[in-house]
Amino acid sequence: MTLFSDPKCPYCHRVRMVLAEKKINIDVVDVDADDLPAQVLEANPYGTVPTLVDRDLTLYESQIIMEYLDERFPHPPLLPVDPVGRANARLLMHRVDRDWYSLMGRISRGDKTTAAEARDELRETLIASAPIFAASPFFMSEEFSLVDCCIAPLLWRLPALGVDLPAAAVAVTEYSTRIFEWPSFRRSLSEAEREMVADLG
């Protein structure tokens, strides 16, 4: 099993978190998302990372890969066992992608005006979400889950994105501190990601 992963890509980062949490033995091949090798371009019609190759199976799109890994390696489970709980977790991941990751993309790719607007919008939506972060040790859950794997890479990148959280978002900051100390998060970090935060320790 091989994962093609860009060391700076947040979508790759969340797949690496799942691998670390489940202690899956896999070859992680570092690639540049802007200059992908022929092997990835041949396997993935969209030419994106992460791309997972497992014998004759090729998967792309981080959430699909994460759910496949969770089902193929069921311990520890990272989605609820009941259908309603699983559906709610999938909906949360969809909303994180649509509401937060889209803003991160606008900050990274936009001009100064667009990036500033997206930065303000991301800050405000995180502040508004603070009560949710405060409600339980993990995101809307008592257990570490795929949802946390989606959220943590974005929160890790906030300083690099120029998004500072005020005191009103203290619950988000406290959640970040907990999740950044989580063993699988620390194991999932690439060298490039470690360098994003100077005081990792």
N, C-alpha and C. Protein backbone atom coordinates (compact mmCIF):
# COMPACT_ATOMS: atom_id res chain seq x y z
N MET A 1 0.86 -1.19 0.00
CA MET A 1 0.00 0.00 0.00
C MET A 1 0.89 1.24 0.00
N THR A 2 0.57 2.19 -0.89
CA THR A 2 1.38 3.40 -1.03
C THR A 2 0.47 4.62 -1.01
N LEU A 3 0.88 5.63 -0.25
CA LEU A 3 0.19 6.91 -0.24
C LEU A 3 1.12 7.95 -0.86
N PHE A 4 0.65 8.59 -1.92
CA PHE A 4 1.36 9.72 -2.49
C PHE A 4 0.84 10.97 -1.81
N SER A 5 1.75 11.70 -1.18
CA SER A 5 1.37 12.77 -0.26
C SER A 5 2.29 13.97 -0.43
N ASP A 6 1.68 15.15 -0.53
CA ASP A 6 2.46 16.38 -0.51
C ASP A 6 2.68 16.77 0.95
N PRO A 7 3.93 16.95 1.38
CA PRO A 7 4.22 17.24 2.80
C PRO A 7 3.57 18.51 3.33
N LYS A 8 3.11 19.40 2.45
CA LYS A 8 2.51 20.65 2.90
C LYS A 8 0.98 20.68 2.74
N CYS A 9 0.43 19.64 2.15
CA CYS A 9 -0.99 19.65 1.79
C CYS A 9 -1.87 19.25 2.98
N PRO A 10 -2.86 20.07 3.35
CA PRO A 10 -3.71 19.72 4.50
C PRO A 10 -4.57 18.48 4.25
N TYR A 11 -4.95 18.25 3.00
CA TYR A 11 -5.75 17.06 2.68
C TYR A 11 -4.91 15.79 2.85
N CYS A 12 -3.65 15.86 2.46
CA CYS A 12 -2.74 14.73 2.70
C CYS A 12 -2.49 14.54 4.19
N HIS A 13 -2.38 15.67 4.89
CA HIS A 13 -2.11 15.63 6.33
C HIS A 13 -3.19 14.84 7.06
N ARG A 14 -4.44 15.05 6.71
CA ARG A 14 -5.50 14.36 7.45
C ARG A 14 -5.50 12.87 7.17
N VAL A 15 -5.12 12.45 5.97
CA VAL A 15 -4.97 11.02 5.71
C VAL A 15 -3.82 10.46 6.54
N ARG A 16 -2.73 11.21 6.63
CA ARG A 16 -1.59 10.76 7.44
C ARG A 16 -1.97 10.65 8.91
N MET A 17 -2.90 11.48 9.37
CA MET A 17 -3.38 11.36 10.75
C MET A 17 -4.09 10.03 10.97
N VAL A 18 -4.91 9.63 10.01
CA VAL A 18 -5.61 8.34 10.12
C VAL A 18 -4.61 7.20 10.13
N LEU A 19 -3.62 7.26 9.26
CA LEU A 19 -2.58 6.22 9.22
C LEU A 19 -1.87 6.13 10.57
N ALA A 20 -1.56 7.29 11.15
CA ALA A 20 -0.85 7.31 12.43
C ALA A 20 -1.71 6.78 13.56
N GLU A 21 -2.99 7.17 13.58
CA GLU A 21 -3.89 6.73 14.65
C GLU A 21 -4.08 5.21 14.63
N LYS A 22 -4.13 4.66 13.43
CA LYS A 22 -4.36 3.22 13.31
C LYS A 22 -3.05 2.42 13.21
N LYS A 23 -1.93 3.14 13.21
CA LYS A 23 -0.60 2.50 13.14
C LYS A 23 -0.51 1.58 11.92
N ILE A 24 -0.96 2.09 10.77
CA ILE A 24 -0.95 1.32 9.53
C ILE A 24 0.43 1.41 8.90
N ASN A 25 0.98 0.26 8.54
CA ASN A 25 2.29 0.21 7.89
C ASN A 25 2.10 0.46 6.40
N ILE A 26 2.60 1.57 5.91
CA ILE A 26 2.36 1.99 4.54
C ILE A 26 3.55 2.80 4.04
N ASP A 27 3.81 2.74 2.75
CA ASP A 27 4.84 3.59 2.15
C ASP A 27 4.22 4.95 1.85
N VAL A 28 4.75 6.00 2.48
CA VAL A 28 4.32 7.36 2.18
C VAL A 28 5.37 7.99 1.28
N VAL A 29 4.97 8.30 0.06
CA VAL A 29 5.88 8.88 -0.92
C VAL A 29 5.60 10.37 -1.03
N ASP A 30 6.59 11.18 -0.65
CA ASP A 30 6.43 12.63 -0.73
C ASP A 30 6.53 13.08 -2.18
N VAL A 31 5.54 13.88 -2.59
CA VAL A 31 5.52 14.43 -3.95
C VAL A 31 5.15 15.90 -3.87
N ASP A 32 5.40 16.61 -4.95
CA ASP A 32 5.01 18.02 -5.06
C ASP A 32 3.67 18.07 -5.81
N ALA A 33 2.64 18.59 -5.16
CA ALA A 33 1.30 18.62 -5.77
C ALA A 33 1.29 19.39 -7.08
N ASP A 34 2.24 20.32 -7.26
CA ASP A 34 2.30 21.12 -8.50
C ASP A 34 3.17 20.48 -9.57
N ASP A 35 3.83 19.38 -9.24
CA ASP A 35 4.70 18.71 -10.21
C ASP A 35 4.67 17.21 -9.91
N LEU A 36 3.52 16.59 -10.16
CA LEU A 36 3.31 15.20 -9.78
C LEU A 36 4.04 14.24 -10.71
N PRO A 37 4.54 13.14 -10.16
CA PRO A 37 5.18 12.14 -11.01
C PRO A 37 4.18 11.43 -11.91
N ALA A 38 4.69 10.81 -12.96
CA ALA A 38 3.83 10.14 -13.94
C ALA A 38 2.98 9.06 -13.29
N GLN A 39 3.51 8.39 -12.27
CA GLN A 39 2.77 7.31 -11.61
C GLN A 39 1.45 7.81 -11.02
N VAL A 40 1.47 9.00 -10.43
CA VAL A 40 0.25 9.58 -9.86
C VAL A 40 -0.69 10.03 -10.98
N LEU A 41 -0.15 10.68 -12.00
CA LEU A 41 -0.97 11.18 -13.09
C LEU A 41 -1.65 10.04 -13.85
N GLU A 42 -0.98 8.90 -13.93
CA GLU A 42 -1.57 7.74 -14.61
C GLU A 42 -2.65 7.09 -13.74
N ALA A 43 -2.43 7.10 -12.43
CA ALA A 43 -3.37 6.42 -11.52
C ALA A 43 -4.60 7.25 -11.21
N ASN A 44 -4.44 8.57 -11.19
CA ASN A 44 -5.50 9.47 -10.74
C ASN A 44 -5.88 10.41 -11.88
N PRO A 45 -7.08 10.27 -12.44
CA PRO A 45 -7.46 11.09 -13.59
C PRO A 45 -7.54 12.59 -13.28
N TYR A 46 -7.62 12.94 -12.00
CA TYR A 46 -7.71 14.35 -11.63
C TYR A 46 -6.34 14.96 -11.32
N GLY A 47 -5.31 14.11 -11.25
CA GLY A 47 -3.97 14.61 -11.00
C GLY A 47 -3.86 15.36 -9.69
N THR A 48 -4.33 14.72 -8.61
CA THR A 48 -4.33 15.35 -7.29
C THR A 48 -3.72 14.43 -6.25
N VAL A 49 -3.38 15.00 -5.12
CA VAL A 49 -3.00 14.22 -3.94
C VAL A 49 -3.93 14.64 -2.81
N PRO A 50 -4.14 13.73 -1.86
CA PRO A 50 -3.54 12.40 -1.72
C PRO A 50 -4.08 11.40 -2.73
N THR A 51 -3.23 10.46 -3.11
CA THR A 51 -3.62 9.32 -3.93
C THR A 51 -3.12 8.07 -3.23
N LEU A 52 -4.02 7.13 -3.01
CA LEU A 52 -3.68 5.87 -2.34
C LEU A 52 -3.74 4.73 -3.35
N VAL A 53 -2.67 3.93 -3.39
CA VAL A 53 -2.63 2.75 -4.25
C VAL A 53 -2.51 1.53 -3.36
N ASP A 54 -3.50 0.66 -3.44
CA ASP A 54 -3.54 -0.58 -2.64
C ASP A 54 -3.77 -1.74 -3.60
N ARG A 55 -2.69 -2.36 -4.00
CA ARG A 55 -2.73 -3.42 -5.02
C ARG A 55 -3.40 -2.89 -6.28
N ASP A 56 -4.56 -3.46 -6.66
CA ASP A 56 -5.23 -3.03 -7.89
C ASP A 56 -6.19 -1.87 -7.67
N LEU A 57 -6.29 -1.40 -6.44
CA LEU A 57 -7.22 -0.32 -6.11
C LEU A 57 -6.47 1.00 -6.03
N THR A 58 -7.01 2.01 -6.68
CA THR A 58 -6.48 3.37 -6.56
C THR A 58 -7.59 4.28 -6.07
N LEU A 59 -7.31 5.02 -5.02
CA LEU A 59 -8.30 5.94 -4.45
C LEU A 59 -7.73 7.36 -4.41
N TYR A 60 -8.60 8.33 -4.61
CA TYR A 60 -8.24 9.72 -4.45
C TYR A 60 -9.42 10.41 -3.76
N GLU A 61 -9.20 11.65 -3.37
CA GLU A 61 -10.11 12.40 -2.49
C GLU A 61 -9.91 11.92 -1.05
N SER A 62 -9.48 12.85 -0.22
CA SER A 62 -9.05 12.48 1.13
C SER A 62 -10.13 11.79 1.95
N GLN A 63 -11.37 12.26 1.88
CA GLN A 63 -12.40 11.66 2.72
C GLN A 63 -12.68 10.21 2.31
N ILE A 64 -12.66 9.94 1.01
CA ILE A 64 -12.86 8.56 0.54
C ILE A 64 -11.73 7.67 1.04
N ILE A 65 -10.51 8.17 0.97
CA ILE A 65 -9.35 7.40 1.45
C ILE A 65 -9.47 7.16 2.95
N MET A 66 -9.84 8.19 3.70
CA MET A 66 -9.94 8.07 5.15
C MET A 66 -10.99 7.02 5.54
N GLU A 67 -12.13 7.05 4.87
CA GLU A 67 -13.18 6.08 5.21
C GLU A 67 -12.78 4.67 4.80
N TYR A 68 -12.08 4.54 3.68
CA TYR A 68 -11.60 3.22 3.26
C TYR A 68 -10.64 2.65 4.31
N LEU A 69 -9.71 3.48 4.76
CA LEU A 69 -8.75 3.02 5.77
C LEU A 69 -9.46 2.65 7.07
N ASP A 70 -10.49 3.42 7.43
CA ASP A 70 -11.22 3.14 8.66
C ASP A 70 -11.96 1.81 8.56
N GLU A 71 -12.45 1.48 7.38
CA GLU A 71 -13.18 0.21 7.21
C GLU A 71 -12.21 -0.97 7.05
N ARG A 72 -11.13 -0.74 6.35
CA ARG A 72 -10.19 -1.84 6.12
C ARG A 72 -9.40 -2.18 7.39
N PHE A 73 -9.09 -1.17 8.18
CA PHE A 73 -8.37 -1.36 9.44
C PHE A 73 -9.28 -0.86 10.57
N PRO A 74 -10.18 -1.70 11.06
CA PRO A 74 -11.28 -1.22 11.91
C PRO A 74 -10.90 -0.81 13.33
N HIS A 75 -9.66 -1.02 13.75
CA HIS A 75 -9.29 -0.68 15.14
C HIS A 75 -8.17 0.35 15.15
N PRO A 76 -8.33 1.43 15.91
CA PRO A 76 -9.57 1.84 16.58
C PRO A 76 -10.56 2.43 15.57
N PRO A 77 -11.86 2.26 15.79
CA PRO A 77 -12.84 2.83 14.87
C PRO A 77 -12.85 4.35 14.96
N LEU A 78 -12.90 5.01 13.80
CA LEU A 78 -12.87 6.48 13.77
C LEU A 78 -14.17 7.08 13.27
N LEU A 79 -15.18 6.22 13.08
CA LEU A 79 -16.54 6.68 12.81
C LEU A 79 -17.47 5.96 13.77
N PRO A 80 -18.59 6.56 14.15
CA PRO A 80 -19.55 5.88 15.02
C PRO A 80 -20.04 4.58 14.37
N VAL A 81 -20.48 3.65 15.20
CA VAL A 81 -20.93 2.36 14.67
C VAL A 81 -22.36 2.43 14.14
N ASP A 82 -23.16 3.39 14.63
CA ASP A 82 -24.56 3.44 14.22
C ASP A 82 -24.72 4.31 12.97
N PRO A 83 -25.69 3.99 12.10
CA PRO A 83 -25.87 4.72 10.84
C PRO A 83 -26.11 6.21 11.03
N VAL A 84 -26.88 6.60 12.04
CA VAL A 84 -27.17 8.02 12.26
C VAL A 84 -25.89 8.76 12.64
N GLY A 85 -25.13 8.16 13.55
CA GLY A 85 -23.86 8.77 13.97
C GLY A 85 -22.88 8.89 12.81
N ARG A 86 -22.81 7.86 11.97
CA ARG A 86 -21.91 7.89 10.82
C ARG A 86 -22.34 8.98 9.83
N ALA A 87 -23.65 9.06 9.60
CA ALA A 87 -24.16 10.08 8.68
C ALA A 87 -23.86 11.49 9.20
N ASN A 88 -24.03 11.70 10.50
CA ASN A 88 -23.75 13.01 11.08
C ASN A 88 -22.27 13.36 10.96
N ALA A 89 -21.40 12.37 11.19
CA ALA A 89 -19.96 12.60 11.07
C ALA A 89 -19.59 12.96 9.63
N ARG A 90 -20.19 12.26 8.67
CA ARG A 90 -19.92 12.57 7.26
C ARG A 90 -20.41 13.98 6.91
N LEU A 91 -21.55 14.36 7.46
CA LEU A 91 -22.07 15.70 7.22
C LEU A 91 -21.14 16.76 7.80
N LEU A 92 -20.62 16.50 9.00
CA LEU A 92 -19.67 17.44 9.61
C LEU A 92 -18.42 17.58 8.74
N MET A 93 -17.90 16.47 8.23
CA MET A 93 -16.71 16.54 7.37
C MET A 93 -17.01 17.33 6.10
N HIS A 94 -18.20 17.13 5.54
CA HIS A 94 -18.60 17.88 4.35
C HIS A 94 -18.64 19.37 4.65
N ARG A 95 -19.20 19.72 5.80
CA ARG A 95 -19.30 21.14 6.17
C ARG A 95 -17.94 21.76 6.44
N VAL A 96 -17.06 21.00 7.07
CA VAL A 96 -15.69 21.49 7.31
C VAL A 96 -15.02 21.80 5.97
N ASP A 97 -15.17 20.90 5.00
CA ASP A 97 -14.59 21.13 3.67
C ASP A 97 -15.22 22.34 3.00
N ARG A 98 -16.53 22.38 3.01
CA ARG A 98 -17.24 23.42 2.27
C ARG A 98 -17.10 24.80 2.92
N ASP A 99 -17.16 24.84 4.25
CA ASP A 99 -17.19 26.13 4.95
C ASP A 99 -15.79 26.63 5.33
N TRP A 100 -14.90 25.74 5.76
CA TRP A 100 -13.60 26.16 6.28
C TRP A 100 -12.47 25.95 5.28
N TYR A 101 -12.40 24.75 4.69
CA TYR A 101 -11.31 24.50 3.75
C TYR A 101 -11.43 25.39 2.51
N SER A 102 -12.65 25.70 2.09
CA SER A 102 -12.81 26.59 0.93
C SER A 102 -12.24 27.97 1.23
N LEU A 103 -12.41 28.43 2.47
CA LEU A 103 -11.84 29.73 2.86
C LEU A 103 -10.32 29.65 2.92
N MET A 104 -9.79 28.54 3.41
CA MET A 104 -8.33 28.36 3.43
C MET A 104 -7.79 28.43 2.01
N GLY A 105 -8.50 27.80 1.07
CA GLY A 105 -8.08 27.85 -0.32
C GLY A 105 -8.09 29.27 -0.88
N ARG A 106 -9.10 30.05 -0.51
CA ARG A 106 -9.17 31.44 -0.98
C ARG A 106 -8.05 32.28 -0.39
N ILE A 107 -7.67 32.01 0.86
CA ILE A 107 -6.56 32.74 1.47
C ILE A 107 -5.26 32.41 0.72
N SER A 108 -5.06 31.14 0.42
CA SER A 108 -3.81 30.70 -0.20
C SER A 108 -3.69 31.14 -1.65
N ARG A 109 -4.82 31.15 -2.37
CA ARG A 109 -4.76 31.39 -3.82
C ARG A 109 -5.20 32.79 -4.23
N GLY A 110 -5.86 33.51 -3.33
CA GLY A 110 -6.46 34.78 -3.72
C GLY A 110 -5.49 35.94 -3.75
N ASP A 111 -5.94 37.05 -4.35
CA ASP A 111 -5.16 38.28 -4.28
C ASP A 111 -5.31 38.86 -2.86
N LYS A 112 -4.65 39.97 -2.61
CA LYS A 112 -4.62 40.51 -1.25
C LYS A 112 -6.02 40.79 -0.71
N THR A 113 -6.88 41.37 -1.55
CA THR A 113 -8.23 41.72 -1.09
C THR A 113 -9.04 40.46 -0.81
N THR A 114 -9.02 39.53 -1.75
CA THR A 114 -9.77 38.27 -1.58
C THR A 114 -9.27 37.51 -0.36
N ALA A 115 -7.93 37.44 -0.20
CA ALA A 115 -7.35 36.71 0.92
C ALA A 115 -7.73 37.36 2.25
N ALA A 116 -7.71 38.68 2.30
CA ALA A 116 -8.06 39.38 3.54
C ALA A 116 -9.52 39.13 3.92
N GLU A 117 -10.41 39.15 2.92
CA GLU A 117 -11.82 38.88 3.19
C GLU A 117 -12.02 37.45 3.69
N ALA A 118 -11.35 36.49 3.06
CA ALA A 118 -11.47 35.09 3.46
C ALA A 118 -10.88 34.87 4.85
N ARG A 119 -9.79 35.57 5.14
CA ARG A 119 -9.15 35.47 6.46
C ARG A 119 -10.13 35.94 7.55
N ASP A 120 -10.76 37.07 7.31
CA ASP A 120 -11.74 37.60 8.28
C ASP A 120 -12.92 36.65 8.43
N GLU A 121 -13.37 36.09 7.31
CA GLU A 121 -14.53 35.19 7.34
C GLU A 121 -14.20 33.90 8.10
N LEU A 122 -13.00 33.38 7.88
CA LEU A 122 -12.60 32.16 8.59
C LEU A 122 -12.47 32.43 10.09
N ARG A 123 -11.88 33.56 10.44
CA ARG A 123 -11.77 33.92 11.86
C ARG A 123 -13.15 34.01 12.50
N GLU A 124 -14.08 34.70 11.83
CA GLU A 124 -15.42 34.89 12.39
C GLU A 124 -16.19 33.57 12.52
N THR A 125 -16.05 32.70 11.53
CA THR A 125 -16.79 31.44 11.60
C THR A 125 -16.22 30.53 12.69
N LEU A 126 -14.92 30.61 12.93
CA LEU A 126 -14.33 29.83 14.03
C LEU A 126 -14.77 30.39 15.38
N ILE A 127 -14.83 31.71 15.49
CA ILE A 127 -15.33 32.32 16.73
C ILE A 127 -16.78 31.88 16.98
N ALA A 128 -17.60 31.90 15.93
CA ALA A 128 -19.00 31.50 16.08
C ALA A 128 -19.14 30.03 16.46
N SER A 129 -18.14 29.22 16.08
CA SER A 129 -18.18 27.78 16.37
C SER A 129 -17.59 27.43 17.73
N ALA A 130 -17.08 28.42 18.45
CA ALA A 130 -16.41 28.16 19.72
C ALA A 130 -17.25 27.33 20.69
N PRO A 131 -18.57 27.59 20.84
CA PRO A 131 -19.36 26.76 21.77
C PRO A 131 -19.37 25.28 21.40
N ILE A 132 -19.30 24.98 20.11
CA ILE A 132 -19.26 23.57 19.69
C ILE A 132 -17.94 22.94 20.12
N PHE A 133 -16.84 23.68 19.94
CA PHE A 133 -15.53 23.17 20.36
C PHE A 133 -15.49 22.96 21.88
N ALA A 134 -16.24 23.79 22.61
CA ALA A 134 -16.21 23.72 24.08
C ALA A 134 -17.06 22.58 24.63
N ALA A 135 -17.95 22.03 23.81
CA ALA A 135 -18.97 21.11 24.32
C ALA A 135 -18.45 19.72 24.66
N SER A 136 -17.35 19.30 24.04
CA SER A 136 -16.84 17.95 24.29
C SER A 136 -15.33 17.92 24.00
N PRO A 137 -14.62 16.89 24.47
CA PRO A 137 -13.17 16.88 24.32
C PRO A 137 -12.72 16.87 22.85
N PHE A 138 -13.48 16.18 22.02
CA PHE A 138 -13.20 16.17 20.59
C PHE A 138 -14.36 16.86 19.88
N PHE A 139 -14.28 17.01 18.56
CA PHE A 139 -15.28 17.82 17.88
C PHE A 139 -16.62 17.09 17.84
N MET A 140 -17.56 17.58 18.65
CA MET A 140 -18.91 17.01 18.78
C MET A 140 -18.86 15.52 19.10
N SER A 141 -17.88 15.13 19.89
CA SER A 141 -17.72 13.71 20.22
C SER A 141 -16.88 13.55 21.48
N GLU A 142 -17.14 12.44 22.18
CA GLU A 142 -16.30 12.08 23.32
C GLU A 142 -15.07 11.29 22.87
N GLU A 143 -15.06 10.87 21.61
CA GLU A 143 -13.97 10.05 21.08
C GLU A 143 -13.31 10.75 19.89
N PHE A 144 -12.01 10.51 19.75
CA PHE A 144 -11.28 10.99 18.58
C PHE A 144 -11.87 10.34 17.33
N SER A 145 -12.07 11.14 16.26
CA SER A 145 -12.75 10.61 15.08
C SER A 145 -12.16 11.19 13.79
N LEU A 146 -12.70 10.74 12.67
CA LEU A 146 -12.29 11.27 11.38
C LEU A 146 -12.55 12.77 11.28
N VAL A 147 -13.56 13.25 11.99
CA VAL A 147 -13.87 14.69 11.97
C VAL A 147 -12.68 15.48 12.53
N ASP A 148 -12.09 15.00 13.61
CA ASP A 148 -10.91 15.65 14.17
C ASP A 148 -9.74 15.62 13.19
N CYS A 149 -9.63 14.51 12.46
CA CYS A 149 -8.57 14.39 11.46
C CYS A 149 -8.75 15.42 10.35
N CYS A 150 -9.98 15.81 10.08
CA CYS A 150 -10.25 16.85 9.08
C CYS A 150 -9.94 18.24 9.61
N ILE A 151 -10.30 18.49 10.86
CA ILE A 151 -10.20 19.84 11.42
C ILE A 151 -8.77 20.20 11.82
N ALA A 152 -8.04 19.26 12.41
CA ALA A 152 -6.73 19.55 12.98
C ALA A 152 -5.73 20.15 11.97
N PRO A 153 -5.61 19.61 10.74
CA PRO A 153 -4.66 20.21 9.81
C PRO A 153 -4.97 21.67 9.47
N LEU A 154 -6.24 22.02 9.43
CA LEU A 154 -6.60 23.41 9.16
C LEU A 154 -6.20 24.30 10.33
N LEU A 155 -6.50 23.87 11.55
CA LEU A 155 -6.15 24.67 12.72
C LEU A 155 -4.64 24.84 12.84
N TRP A 156 -3.89 23.79 12.50
CA TRP A 156 -2.43 23.86 12.56
C TRP A 156 -1.89 24.95 11.63
N ARG A 157 -2.59 25.18 10.52
CA ARG A 157 -2.11 26.11 9.51
C ARG A 157 -2.58 27.55 9.74
N LEU A 158 -3.39 27.80 10.77
CA LEU A 158 -3.90 29.15 10.98
C LEU A 158 -2.79 30.20 11.09
N PRO A 159 -1.71 29.97 11.86
CA PRO A 159 -0.65 30.99 11.91
C PRO A 159 -0.05 31.28 10.54
N ALA A 160 0.18 30.22 9.76
CA ALA A 160 0.75 30.41 8.42
C ALA A 160 -0.21 31.15 7.50
N LEU A 161 -1.51 31.01 7.76
CA LEU A 161 -2.53 31.69 6.96
C LEU A 161 -2.76 33.13 7.42
N GLY A 162 -2.15 33.50 8.55
CA GLY A 162 -2.34 34.84 9.09
C GLY A 162 -3.65 35.02 9.81
N VAL A 163 -4.21 33.91 10.32
CA VAL A 163 -5.49 33.96 11.04
C VAL A 163 -5.19 33.83 12.53
N ASP A 164 -5.37 34.92 13.27
CA ASP A 164 -5.17 34.90 14.72
C ASP A 164 -6.54 34.85 15.38
N LEU A 165 -6.63 34.03 16.41
CA LEU A 165 -7.91 33.87 17.11
C LEU A 165 -7.93 34.71 18.38
N PRO A 166 -9.00 35.49 18.60
CA PRO A 166 -9.10 36.32 19.80
C PRO A 166 -9.57 35.51 21.00
N ALA A 167 -9.67 36.20 22.14
CA ALA A 167 -10.09 35.53 23.38
C ALA A 167 -11.48 34.92 23.25
N ALA A 168 -12.31 35.47 22.38
CA ALA A 168 -13.66 34.94 22.20
C ALA A 168 -13.64 33.51 21.64
N ALA A 169 -12.51 33.12 21.07
CA ALA A 169 -12.39 31.77 20.49
C ALA A 169 -11.50 30.88 21.35
N VAL A 170 -11.46 31.15 22.65
CA VAL A 170 -10.56 30.39 23.53
C VAL A 170 -10.86 28.89 23.47
N ALA A 171 -12.11 28.52 23.28
CA ALA A 171 -12.45 27.09 23.20
C ALA A 171 -11.79 26.44 21.99
N VAL A 172 -11.67 27.19 20.90
CA VAL A 172 -11.00 26.66 19.70
C VAL A 172 -9.51 26.49 19.99
N THR A 173 -8.93 27.48 20.67
CA THR A 173 -7.51 27.42 21.02
C THR A 173 -7.24 26.25 21.96
N GLU A 174 -8.12 26.04 22.93
CA GLU A 174 -7.93 24.92 23.87
C GLU A 174 -8.07 23.58 23.16
N TYR A 175 -9.03 23.47 22.25
CA TYR A 175 -9.17 22.26 21.45
C TYR A 175 -7.90 22.02 20.63
N SER A 176 -7.39 23.09 20.02
CA SER A 176 -6.17 22.98 19.22
C SER A 176 -5.02 22.43 20.06
N THR A 177 -4.87 22.97 21.27
CA THR A 177 -3.80 22.51 22.15
C THR A 177 -3.94 21.02 22.44
N ARG A 178 -5.16 20.57 22.72
CA ARG A 178 -5.39 19.14 23.00
C ARG A 178 -5.07 18.28 21.78
N ILE A 179 -5.55 18.71 20.62
CA ILE A 179 -5.41 17.87 19.43
C ILE A 179 -3.96 17.88 18.94
N PHE A 180 -3.25 18.99 19.13
CA PHE A 180 -1.85 19.04 18.68
C PHE A 180 -0.95 18.19 19.56
N GLU A 181 -1.41 17.89 20.77
CA GLU A 181 -0.65 17.00 21.66
C GLU A 181 -1.04 15.54 21.47
N TRP A 182 -2.09 15.28 20.72
CA TRP A 182 -2.56 13.91 20.48
C TRP A 182 -1.45 13.14 19.77
N PRO A 183 -1.08 11.95 20.25
CA PRO A 183 0.08 11.25 19.69
C PRO A 183 0.04 11.05 18.18
N SER A 184 -1.11 10.70 17.64
CA SER A 184 -1.16 10.45 16.20
C SER A 184 -1.03 11.75 15.40
N PHE A 185 -1.45 12.87 15.98
CA PHE A 185 -1.24 14.13 15.28
C PHE A 185 0.25 14.42 15.18
N ARG A 186 0.95 14.25 16.28
CA ARG A 186 2.38 14.55 16.27
C ARG A 186 3.13 13.60 15.32
N ARG A 187 2.71 12.34 15.29
CA ARG A 187 3.36 11.39 14.37
C ARG A 187 3.05 11.69 12.91
N SER A 188 1.92 12.33 12.67
CA SER A 188 1.50 12.58 11.28
C SER A 188 2.23 13.75 10.63
N LEU A 189 2.86 14.60 11.42
CA LEU A 189 3.45 15.83 10.89
C LEU A 189 4.65 15.54 10.00
N SER A 190 4.66 16.15 8.83
CA SER A 190 5.85 16.12 7.98
C SER A 190 6.84 17.17 8.49
N GLU A 191 8.06 17.11 8.03
CA GLU A 191 9.05 18.11 8.44
C GLU A 191 8.59 19.50 8.02
N ALA A 192 8.02 19.61 6.82
CA ALA A 192 7.53 20.91 6.34
C ALA A 192 6.42 21.45 7.23
N GLU A 193 5.57 20.57 7.72
CA GLU A 193 4.47 21.00 8.60
C GLU A 193 5.00 21.40 9.98
N ARG A 194 6.02 20.70 10.45
CA ARG A 194 6.61 21.09 11.73
C ARG A 194 7.18 22.50 11.64
N GLU A 195 7.76 22.84 10.51
CA GLU A 195 8.37 24.15 10.34
C GLU A 195 7.33 25.27 10.24
N MET A 196 6.06 24.92 10.02
CA MET A 196 5.01 25.94 9.97
C MET A 196 4.80 26.60 11.33
N VAL A 197 5.08 25.85 12.38
CA VAL A 197 4.88 26.36 13.74
C VAL A 197 6.21 26.27 14.48
N ALA A 198 6.82 27.43 14.71
CA ALA A 198 8.19 27.48 15.22
C ALA A 198 8.30 26.93 16.63
N ASP A 199 7.25 27.07 17.44
CA ASP A 199 7.36 26.69 18.85
C ASP A 199 6.73 25.33 19.13
N LEU A 200 6.79 24.41 18.16
CA LEU A 200 6.21 23.09 18.37
C LEU A 200 6.81 22.40 19.59
N GLY A 201 8.13 22.50 19.73
CA GLY A 201 8.78 21.90 20.90
C GLY A 201 9.00 20.41 20.72
